[in-house]
Amino acid sequence: MAFINEQQISDLKQELAMKNIKQTFALIGPFLLKRWKAYLGLVVLMGVDLFLTLAFAWFFGHITDAAVKSNFTLLKQLVPIGICPAAA
């Protein structure tokens, strides 16, 4: 089992210093502020992508479980949910 020595701890503290983080944001801050609407749009799109990914995973997991268990009542409830986005 490897142990961390004092030099490695010192190096880690130096890398994670707030000075470096503040310097990075000071350099990219003006570029972000110029086009804040575009970056806000990207963050919103990433949120929508995350939601859709989780929703599809939930849907396919539940519809697969219902099909394997031959639970036709749950399948009848889930199929319209799957058809609605396809019809749009």
Protein backbone atom coordinates (compact mmCIF):
# COMPACT_ATOMS: atom_id res chain seq x y z
CA MET A 1 0.00 0.00 0.00
CA ALA A 2 1.48 3.33 -1.06
CA PHE A 3 1.49 6.23 1.32
CA ILE A 4 1.50 9.89 0.40
CA ASN A 5 4.58 11.74 1.58
CA GLU A 6 4.84 15.36 2.68
CA GLN A 7 6.24 16.52 -0.67
CA GLN A 8 3.23 15.14 -2.55
CA ILE A 9 0.85 16.82 -0.10
CA SER A 10 2.71 20.11 -0.53
CA ASP A 11 2.57 19.80 -4.32
CA LEU A 12 -1.16 19.03 -4.18
CA LYS A 13 -1.86 22.05 -1.99
CA GLN A 14 0.11 24.25 -4.37
CA GLU A 15 -1.85 22.98 -7.39
CA LEU A 16 -5.21 23.51 -5.70
CA ALA A 17 -4.42 26.99 -4.43
CA MET A 18 -7.17 29.57 -4.90
CA LYS A 19 -4.63 31.87 -6.55
CA ASN A 20 -4.43 29.62 -9.60
CA ILE A 21 -8.19 29.28 -9.83
CA LYS A 22 -8.70 33.04 -9.51
CA GLN A 23 -6.06 33.67 -12.17
CA THR A 24 -7.80 31.29 -14.57
CA PHE A 25 -11.16 32.98 -14.12
CA ALA A 26 -9.54 36.40 -14.42
CA LEU A 27 -8.21 35.39 -17.83
CA ILE A 28 -11.40 33.86 -19.24
CA GLY A 29 -13.86 36.16 -17.44
CA PRO A 30 -13.94 38.93 -20.07
CA PHE A 31 -14.61 36.41 -22.86
CA LEU A 32 -17.44 34.81 -20.88
CA LEU A 33 -19.02 38.15 -20.05
CA LYS A 34 -18.99 39.27 -23.69
CA ARG A 35 -21.06 36.30 -24.82
CA TRP A 36 -22.95 35.41 -21.65
CA LYS A 37 -26.19 34.77 -23.53
CA ALA A 38 -24.57 32.12 -25.71
CA TYR A 39 -23.03 30.40 -22.70
CA LEU A 40 -26.33 30.55 -20.83
CA GLY A 41 -27.99 28.93 -23.83
CA LEU A 42 -25.37 26.18 -23.81
CA VAL A 43 -25.96 25.53 -20.11
CA VAL A 44 -29.72 25.35 -20.71
CA LEU A 45 -29.22 22.94 -23.61
CA MET A 46 -26.96 20.77 -21.45
CA GLY A 47 -29.71 20.70 -18.80
CA VAL A 48 -32.30 19.68 -21.41
CA ASP A 49 -29.92 16.99 -22.69
CA LEU A 50 -29.43 15.65 -19.17
CA PHE A 51 -33.19 15.56 -18.57
CA LEU A 52 -33.89 13.78 -21.86
CA THR A 53 -31.13 11.24 -21.25
CA LEU A 54 -32.52 10.36 -17.83
CA ALA A 55 -36.10 10.32 -19.13
CA PHE A 56 -35.26 7.95 -21.99
CA ALA A 57 -33.31 5.69 -19.63
CA TRP A 58 -36.28 5.60 -17.25
CA PHE A 59 -38.74 4.94 -20.07
CA PHE A 60 -36.75 2.16 -21.74
CA GLY A 61 -36.01 0.54 -18.38
CA HIS A 62 -39.65 0.49 -17.37
CA ILE A 63 -41.00 -0.63 -20.74
CA THR A 64 -38.39 -3.42 -20.92
CA ASP A 65 -39.24 -4.59 -17.40
CA ALA A 66 -42.94 -4.57 -18.24
CA ALA A 67 -42.36 -6.55 -21.43
CA VAL A 68 -40.20 -9.15 -19.68
CA LYS A 69 -42.76 -9.57 -16.89
CA SER A 70 -45.65 -9.64 -19.39
CA ASN A 71 -47.28 -6.76 -17.53
CA PHE A 72 -49.66 -5.63 -20.27
CA THR A 73 -51.43 -3.02 -18.15
CA LEU A 74 -48.14 -1.17 -17.61
CA LEU A 75 -47.28 -1.57 -21.29
CA LYS A 76 -50.62 -0.03 -22.23
CA GLN A 77 -49.79 2.94 -20.00
CA LEU A 78 -46.21 3.37 -21.27
CA VAL A 79 -46.79 2.98 -25.02
CA PRO A 80 -48.68 6.30 -25.35
CA ILE A 81 -45.84 8.03 -23.49
CA GLY A 82 -43.44 6.64 -26.11
CA ILE A 83 -45.67 7.61 -29.03
CA CYS A 84 -46.17 11.24 -27.96
CA PRO A 85 -42.56 12.39 -28.61
CA ALA A 86 -42.46 10.46 -31.88
CA ALA A 87 -45.62 12.21 -33.12
CA ALA A 88 -44.23 15.68 -32.43
